[in-house]
Amino acid sequence: MLLSGKAAFALSANTWHSKASGYEEIYEGAKNEEKPFFLLFHVDWCGYCKRLQSELLDNSKVRQFLASYYRVKINPEDGGKENLIAMKYGVRGYPNFRVVFPEGGSVRVHPFKRGRIYTPDEFIAELEAVLAKEN
């Protein structure tokens, strides 16, 4: 399958796509395949973003779960196009982790609750619940 004249991304356990161009290709690929994808908005200076990365996204169980889906990380401070994508989703704080659905719309998943971060199992369960609701 070709997306915008380029070969489709192979899903990989180690691949987060980035920048506006990565978002556009993933969005089109997910839409063509009718699959949801994960979208993370982050900034370099955000302590909560670093905790999300180290305590959840780097966890082997979470990585294995996410490996079945396209994934995109956007830093709105990288440029105007990235900032426009964040504005499209109404991002006001970081991290902002979303499940984006091919028919449109998204659901934000809040990994921080009442002063603590989800465990990897809680995070996966929350993602599964959001995915199940939309199917």
N, C-alpha and C. Protein backbone atom coordinates (compact mmCIF):
# COMPACT_ATOMS: atom_id res chain seq x y z
N MET A 1 0.85 -1.18 0.00
CA MET A 1 0.00 0.00 0.00
C MET A 1 0.89 1.23 0.00
N LEU A 2 0.50 2.24 -0.73
CA LEU A 2 1.26 3.48 -0.77
C LEU A 2 0.47 4.60 -0.11
N LEU A 3 1.17 5.43 0.62
CA LEU A 3 0.58 6.61 1.24
C LEU A 3 1.30 7.83 0.71
N SER A 4 0.60 8.69 0.07
CA SER A 4 1.20 9.93 -0.44
C SER A 4 2.46 9.64 -1.24
N GLY A 5 2.46 8.58 -2.02
CA GLY A 5 3.62 8.27 -2.84
C GLY A 5 4.77 7.62 -2.09
N LYS A 6 4.58 7.30 -0.81
CA LYS A 6 5.63 6.67 -0.02
C LYS A 6 5.16 5.31 0.45
N ALA A 7 6.09 4.42 0.71
CA ALA A 7 5.71 3.10 1.22
C ALA A 7 5.08 3.25 2.59
N ALA A 8 4.08 2.44 2.88
CA ALA A 8 3.42 2.47 4.18
C ALA A 8 4.41 2.08 5.27
N PHE A 9 4.24 2.64 6.46
CA PHE A 9 5.09 2.31 7.59
C PHE A 9 4.84 0.88 8.01
N ALA A 10 5.89 0.17 8.33
CA ALA A 10 5.73 -1.15 8.94
C ALA A 10 5.54 -0.92 10.43
N LEU A 11 4.54 -1.59 10.99
CA LEU A 11 4.34 -1.47 12.43
C LEU A 11 5.51 -2.12 13.14
N SER A 12 6.03 -1.42 14.13
CA SER A 12 7.20 -1.90 14.85
C SER A 12 7.05 -1.59 16.32
N ALA A 13 7.55 -2.49 17.16
CA ALA A 13 7.49 -2.28 18.61
C ALA A 13 8.35 -1.09 19.03
N ASN A 14 9.25 -0.65 18.20
CA ASN A 14 10.17 0.42 18.58
C ASN A 14 9.93 1.73 17.84
N THR A 15 8.82 1.84 17.13
CA THR A 15 8.66 3.00 16.26
C THR A 15 7.57 3.95 16.73
N TRP A 16 7.99 5.12 17.14
CA TRP A 16 7.10 6.26 17.32
C TRP A 16 7.44 7.21 16.19
N HIS A 17 6.47 7.63 15.43
CA HIS A 17 6.70 8.59 14.36
C HIS A 17 6.54 9.98 14.95
N SER A 18 7.10 10.97 14.30
CA SER A 18 7.10 12.31 14.86
C SER A 18 6.92 13.36 13.77
N LYS A 19 6.83 14.58 14.22
CA LYS A 19 6.69 15.76 13.35
C LYS A 19 5.34 15.74 12.64
N ALA A 20 5.00 16.83 12.02
CA ALA A 20 3.74 16.96 11.30
C ALA A 20 3.67 15.96 10.14
N SER A 21 4.79 15.75 9.47
CA SER A 21 4.80 14.81 8.34
C SER A 21 4.50 13.38 8.79
N GLY A 22 5.05 12.97 9.92
CA GLY A 22 4.75 11.65 10.47
C GLY A 22 3.29 11.53 10.85
N TYR A 23 2.75 12.58 11.46
CA TYR A 23 1.34 12.58 11.83
C TYR A 23 0.46 12.42 10.60
N GLU A 24 0.74 13.17 9.54
CA GLU A 24 -0.08 13.12 8.33
C GLU A 24 -0.07 11.73 7.71
N GLU A 25 1.09 11.10 7.66
CA GLU A 25 1.18 9.76 7.07
C GLU A 25 0.49 8.72 7.94
N ILE A 26 0.69 8.82 9.25
CA ILE A 26 0.03 7.88 10.16
C ILE A 26 -1.48 8.08 10.12
N TYR A 27 -1.92 9.31 10.12
CA TYR A 27 -3.36 9.59 10.06
C TYR A 27 -3.98 8.95 8.83
N GLU A 28 -3.35 9.14 7.69
CA GLU A 28 -3.87 8.57 6.44
C GLU A 28 -3.80 7.04 6.47
N GLY A 29 -2.69 6.49 6.95
CA GLY A 29 -2.55 5.03 7.03
C GLY A 29 -3.59 4.41 7.94
N ALA A 30 -3.81 5.01 9.10
CA ALA A 30 -4.80 4.50 10.05
C ALA A 30 -6.20 4.61 9.46
N LYS A 31 -6.46 5.70 8.78
CA LYS A 31 -7.77 5.90 8.16
C LYS A 31 -7.99 4.85 7.07
N ASN A 32 -7.00 4.62 6.22
CA ASN A 32 -7.11 3.63 5.15
C ASN A 32 -7.32 2.22 5.71
N GLU A 33 -6.68 1.92 6.83
CA GLU A 33 -6.79 0.60 7.45
C GLU A 33 -7.94 0.51 8.45
N GLU A 34 -8.62 1.64 8.67
CA GLU A 34 -9.71 1.73 9.63
C GLU A 34 -9.27 1.25 11.01
N LYS A 35 -8.11 1.74 11.44
CA LYS A 35 -7.55 1.40 12.74
C LYS A 35 -7.29 2.68 13.55
N PRO A 36 -7.57 2.64 14.84
CA PRO A 36 -7.20 3.79 15.67
C PRO A 36 -5.69 3.87 15.82
N PHE A 37 -5.20 5.03 16.24
CA PHE A 37 -3.77 5.18 16.52
C PHE A 37 -3.61 6.02 17.78
N PHE A 38 -2.40 5.98 18.33
CA PHE A 38 -2.10 6.72 19.55
C PHE A 38 -1.32 7.97 19.19
N LEU A 39 -1.67 9.06 19.85
CA LEU A 39 -1.08 10.37 19.58
C LEU A 39 -0.67 11.00 20.91
N LEU A 40 0.60 11.31 21.04
CA LEU A 40 1.13 11.91 22.27
C LEU A 40 1.67 13.30 21.97
N PHE A 41 1.14 14.28 22.68
CA PHE A 41 1.69 15.63 22.62
C PHE A 41 2.58 15.81 23.85
N HIS A 42 3.79 16.29 23.63
CA HIS A 42 4.76 16.46 24.71
C HIS A 42 5.65 17.66 24.40
N VAL A 43 6.36 18.12 25.41
CA VAL A 43 7.38 19.15 25.23
C VAL A 43 8.62 18.73 26.02
N ASP A 44 9.77 19.18 25.60
CA ASP A 44 11.04 18.75 26.19
C ASP A 44 11.19 19.12 27.66
N TRP A 45 10.61 20.23 28.09
CA TRP A 45 10.82 20.72 29.45
C TRP A 45 9.83 20.15 30.46
N CYS A 46 8.89 19.32 30.04
CA CYS A 46 7.80 18.83 30.89
C CYS A 46 8.22 17.63 31.74
N GLY A 47 8.22 17.80 33.05
CA GLY A 47 8.56 16.71 33.96
C GLY A 47 7.58 15.55 33.90
N TYR A 48 6.28 15.85 33.76
CA TYR A 48 5.28 14.79 33.65
C TYR A 48 5.46 13.99 32.35
N CYS A 49 5.88 14.67 31.29
CA CYS A 49 6.14 13.98 30.02
C CYS A 49 7.28 12.98 30.20
N LYS A 50 8.31 13.39 30.92
CA LYS A 50 9.46 12.51 31.17
C LYS A 50 9.05 11.32 32.03
N ARG A 51 8.17 11.55 33.03
CA ARG A 51 7.67 10.44 33.85
C ARG A 51 6.83 9.48 33.02
N LEU A 52 5.97 10.01 32.17
CA LEU A 52 5.16 9.17 31.30
C LEU A 52 6.06 8.28 30.45
N GLN A 53 7.10 8.88 29.88
CA GLN A 53 8.03 8.12 29.05
C GLN A 53 8.75 7.04 29.85
N SER A 54 9.34 7.41 30.98
CA SER A 54 10.17 6.46 31.72
C SER A 54 9.36 5.40 32.47
N GLU A 55 8.19 5.78 33.00
CA GLU A 55 7.44 4.84 33.82
C GLU A 55 6.40 4.03 33.05
N LEU A 56 5.96 4.53 31.90
CA LEU A 56 4.95 3.79 31.14
C LEU A 56 5.42 3.44 29.73
N LEU A 57 5.77 4.42 28.94
CA LEU A 57 6.07 4.15 27.54
C LEU A 57 7.32 3.31 27.34
N ASP A 58 8.27 3.38 28.27
CA ASP A 58 9.48 2.55 28.18
C ASP A 58 9.29 1.17 28.80
N ASN A 59 8.15 0.93 29.44
CA ASN A 59 7.86 -0.35 30.07
C ASN A 59 7.64 -1.42 28.99
N SER A 60 8.23 -2.58 29.14
CA SER A 60 8.14 -3.62 28.11
C SER A 60 6.71 -4.08 27.85
N LYS A 61 5.90 -4.18 28.88
CA LYS A 61 4.51 -4.61 28.72
C LYS A 61 3.72 -3.56 27.92
N VAL A 62 3.93 -2.30 28.23
CA VAL A 62 3.24 -1.22 27.52
C VAL A 62 3.75 -1.15 26.08
N ARG A 63 5.05 -1.26 25.89
CA ARG A 63 5.61 -1.25 24.52
C ARG A 63 5.01 -2.36 23.68
N GLN A 64 4.87 -3.54 24.27
CA GLN A 64 4.30 -4.68 23.56
C GLN A 64 2.85 -4.39 23.17
N PHE A 65 2.08 -3.82 24.07
CA PHE A 65 0.69 -3.47 23.76
C PHE A 65 0.62 -2.44 22.63
N LEU A 66 1.42 -1.38 22.74
CA LEU A 66 1.38 -0.30 21.76
C LEU A 66 1.89 -0.73 20.38
N ALA A 67 2.68 -1.79 20.34
CA ALA A 67 3.30 -2.23 19.09
C ALA A 67 2.29 -2.64 18.02
N SER A 68 1.06 -2.90 18.39
CA SER A 68 0.04 -3.29 17.42
C SER A 68 -0.63 -2.08 16.75
N TYR A 69 -0.21 -0.90 17.14
CA TYR A 69 -0.86 0.32 16.66
C TYR A 69 0.17 1.31 16.12
N TYR A 70 -0.29 2.15 15.20
CA TYR A 70 0.53 3.28 14.80
C TYR A 70 0.61 4.24 15.99
N ARG A 71 1.75 4.94 16.09
CA ARG A 71 1.97 5.86 17.21
C ARG A 71 2.70 7.10 16.70
N VAL A 72 2.28 8.25 17.22
CA VAL A 72 2.90 9.51 16.82
C VAL A 72 3.14 10.36 18.06
N LYS A 73 4.34 10.96 18.13
CA LYS A 73 4.67 11.93 19.17
C LYS A 73 4.83 13.28 18.49
N ILE A 74 4.13 14.26 19.03
CA ILE A 74 4.21 15.62 18.48
C ILE A 74 4.65 16.57 19.58
N ASN A 75 5.68 17.34 19.29
CA ASN A 75 6.11 18.43 20.16
C ASN A 75 5.64 19.72 19.49
N PRO A 76 4.60 20.36 20.03
CA PRO A 76 4.07 21.57 19.41
C PRO A 76 5.09 22.71 19.31
N GLU A 77 6.17 22.62 20.08
CA GLU A 77 7.20 23.66 20.02
C GLU A 77 8.19 23.42 18.88
N ASP A 78 8.02 22.34 18.11
CA ASP A 78 8.91 22.04 16.99
C ASP A 78 8.64 22.91 15.77
N GLY A 79 7.45 23.47 15.67
CA GLY A 79 7.16 24.31 14.52
C GLY A 79 5.69 24.61 14.38
N GLY A 80 5.39 25.43 13.39
CA GLY A 80 4.02 25.87 13.18
C GLY A 80 3.05 24.76 12.85
N LYS A 81 3.47 23.80 12.03
CA LYS A 81 2.58 22.70 11.66
C LYS A 81 2.26 21.82 12.87
N GLU A 82 3.27 21.57 13.69
CA GLU A 82 3.07 20.77 14.89
C GLU A 82 2.12 21.49 15.86
N ASN A 83 2.30 22.79 15.97
CA ASN A 83 1.43 23.59 16.84
C ASN A 83 -0.01 23.57 16.33
N LEU A 84 -0.20 23.62 15.02
CA LEU A 84 -1.55 23.56 14.46
C LEU A 84 -2.23 22.22 14.77
N ILE A 85 -1.46 21.14 14.74
CA ILE A 85 -2.03 19.83 15.08
C ILE A 85 -2.47 19.83 16.54
N ALA A 86 -1.65 20.37 17.42
CA ALA A 86 -2.02 20.45 18.84
C ALA A 86 -3.28 21.29 19.02
N MET A 87 -3.38 22.38 18.29
CA MET A 87 -4.57 23.23 18.37
C MET A 87 -5.80 22.48 17.89
N LYS A 88 -5.65 21.68 16.85
CA LYS A 88 -6.76 20.89 16.31
C LYS A 88 -7.36 19.99 17.39
N TYR A 89 -6.51 19.46 18.27
CA TYR A 89 -6.97 18.55 19.32
C TYR A 89 -7.23 19.27 20.65
N GLY A 90 -7.11 20.59 20.66
CA GLY A 90 -7.41 21.35 21.86
C GLY A 90 -6.42 21.13 23.00
N VAL A 91 -5.18 20.87 22.66
CA VAL A 91 -4.16 20.60 23.68
C VAL A 91 -3.87 21.87 24.47
N ARG A 92 -3.95 21.75 25.80
CA ARG A 92 -3.70 22.88 26.69
C ARG A 92 -2.64 22.55 27.74
N GLY A 93 -2.29 21.29 27.87
CA GLY A 93 -1.29 20.89 28.86
C GLY A 93 -0.61 19.62 28.41
N TYR A 94 0.47 19.30 29.09
CA TYR A 94 1.29 18.16 28.69
C TYR A 94 1.55 17.24 29.88
N PRO A 95 1.71 15.96 29.61
CA PRO A 95 1.51 15.29 28.34
C PRO A 95 0.03 15.19 28.01
N ASN A 96 -0.26 15.03 26.76
CA ASN A 96 -1.62 14.87 26.29
C ASN A 96 -1.61 13.62 25.40
N PHE A 97 -2.11 12.51 25.95
CA PHE A 97 -2.09 11.21 25.27
C PHE A 97 -3.50 10.91 24.77
N ARG A 98 -3.62 10.61 23.48
CA ARG A 98 -4.93 10.41 22.87
C ARG A 98 -5.00 9.12 22.06
N VAL A 99 -6.21 8.57 22.02
CA VAL A 99 -6.55 7.52 21.07
C VAL A 99 -7.34 8.22 19.98
N VAL A 100 -6.85 8.15 18.74
CA VAL A 100 -7.50 8.83 17.61
C VAL A 100 -8.16 7.76 16.75
N PHE A 101 -9.41 7.99 16.39
CA PHE A 101 -10.19 7.01 15.64
C PHE A 101 -10.29 7.39 14.17
N PRO A 102 -10.29 6.38 13.28
CA PRO A 102 -10.24 6.64 11.84
C PRO A 102 -11.45 7.41 11.31
N GLU A 103 -12.60 7.26 11.95
CA GLU A 103 -13.79 7.96 11.49
C GLU A 103 -13.85 9.38 12.02
N GLY A 104 -12.84 9.76 12.78
CA GLY A 104 -12.78 11.10 13.35
C GLY A 104 -12.98 11.03 14.85
N GLY A 105 -12.55 12.04 15.52
CA GLY A 105 -12.68 12.09 16.96
C GLY A 105 -11.53 11.42 17.67
N SER A 106 -11.39 11.77 18.94
CA SER A 106 -10.33 11.19 19.75
C SER A 106 -10.77 11.20 21.21
N VAL A 107 -10.10 10.39 22.00
CA VAL A 107 -10.36 10.33 23.43
C VAL A 107 -9.02 10.51 24.14
N ARG A 108 -9.01 11.44 25.07
CA ARG A 108 -7.79 11.66 25.86
C ARG A 108 -7.73 10.66 27.00
N VAL A 109 -6.57 10.08 27.19
CA VAL A 109 -6.32 9.17 28.31
C VAL A 109 -5.39 9.89 29.26
N HIS A 110 -5.82 10.03 30.51
CA HIS A 110 -5.05 10.74 31.53
C HIS A 110 -4.27 9.73 32.37
N PRO A 111 -2.97 9.58 32.16
CA PRO A 111 -2.20 8.58 32.92
C PRO A 111 -1.88 9.02 34.35
N PHE A 112 -2.18 10.26 34.71
CA PHE A 112 -1.92 10.75 36.06
C PHE A 112 -3.26 10.98 36.76
N LYS A 113 -3.46 10.27 37.85
CA LYS A 113 -4.71 10.40 38.62
C LYS A 113 -4.39 10.59 40.09
N ARG A 114 -4.99 11.60 40.67
CA ARG A 114 -4.88 11.87 42.10
C ARG A 114 -3.43 11.81 42.60
N GLY A 115 -2.56 12.52 41.92
CA GLY A 115 -1.19 12.64 42.38
C GLY A 115 -0.28 11.46 42.10
N ARG A 116 -0.76 10.49 41.35
CA ARG A 116 0.10 9.35 41.01
C ARG A 116 -0.08 8.99 39.54
N ILE A 117 0.86 8.22 39.03
CA ILE A 117 0.78 7.77 37.65
C ILE A 117 0.21 6.35 37.64
N TYR A 118 -0.51 6.02 36.59
CA TYR A 118 -1.02 4.66 36.44
C TYR A 118 0.14 3.66 36.48
N THR A 119 -0.15 2.45 36.88
CA THR A 119 0.79 1.35 36.70
C THR A 119 0.69 0.95 35.23
N PRO A 120 1.67 0.22 34.71
CA PRO A 120 1.55 -0.25 33.32
C PRO A 120 0.25 -1.02 33.06
N ASP A 121 -0.15 -1.88 34.00
CA ASP A 121 -1.40 -2.65 33.81
C ASP A 121 -2.62 -1.73 33.79
N GLU A 122 -2.65 -0.72 34.64
CA GLU A 122 -3.77 0.23 34.66
C GLU A 122 -3.83 1.03 33.35
N PHE A 123 -2.67 1.44 32.87
CA PHE A 123 -2.61 2.21 31.63
C PHE A 123 -3.12 1.38 30.46
N ILE A 124 -2.66 0.15 30.36
CA ILE A 124 -3.12 -0.74 29.29
C ILE A 124 -4.62 -0.98 29.40
N ALA A 125 -5.11 -1.23 30.61
CA ALA A 125 -6.56 -1.45 30.82
C ALA A 125 -7.36 -0.23 30.39
N GLU A 126 -6.88 0.96 30.70
CA GLU A 126 -7.57 2.19 30.30
C GLU A 126 -7.60 2.32 28.77
N LEU A 127 -6.48 2.03 28.11
CA LEU A 127 -6.44 2.09 26.65
C LEU A 127 -7.39 1.06 26.05
N GLU A 128 -7.40 -0.15 26.60
CA GLU A 128 -8.30 -1.20 26.09
C GLU A 128 -9.76 -0.79 26.25
N ALA A 129 -10.09 -0.15 27.37
CA ALA A 129 -11.47 0.29 27.62
C ALA A 129 -11.88 1.34 26.59
N VAL A 130 -11.00 2.28 26.30
CA VAL A 130 -11.30 3.32 25.31
C VAL A 130 -11.47 2.69 23.93
N LEU A 131 -10.57 1.79 23.57
CA LEU A 131 -10.66 1.12 22.26
C LEU A 131 -11.93 0.30 22.15
N ALA A 132 -12.32 -0.39 23.23
CA ALA A 132 -13.52 -1.24 23.21
C ALA A 132 -14.79 -0.42 23.06
N LYS A 133 -14.85 0.76 23.67
CA LYS A 133 -16.02 1.62 23.59
C LYS A 133 -16.31 2.06 22.17
N GLU A 134 -15.25 2.25 21.41
CA GLU A 134 -15.41 2.79 20.06
C GLU A 134 -15.66 1.69 19.01
N ASN A 135 -15.54 0.44 19.40
CA ASN A 135 -15.76 -0.66 18.44
C ASN A 135 -17.15 -1.22 18.52
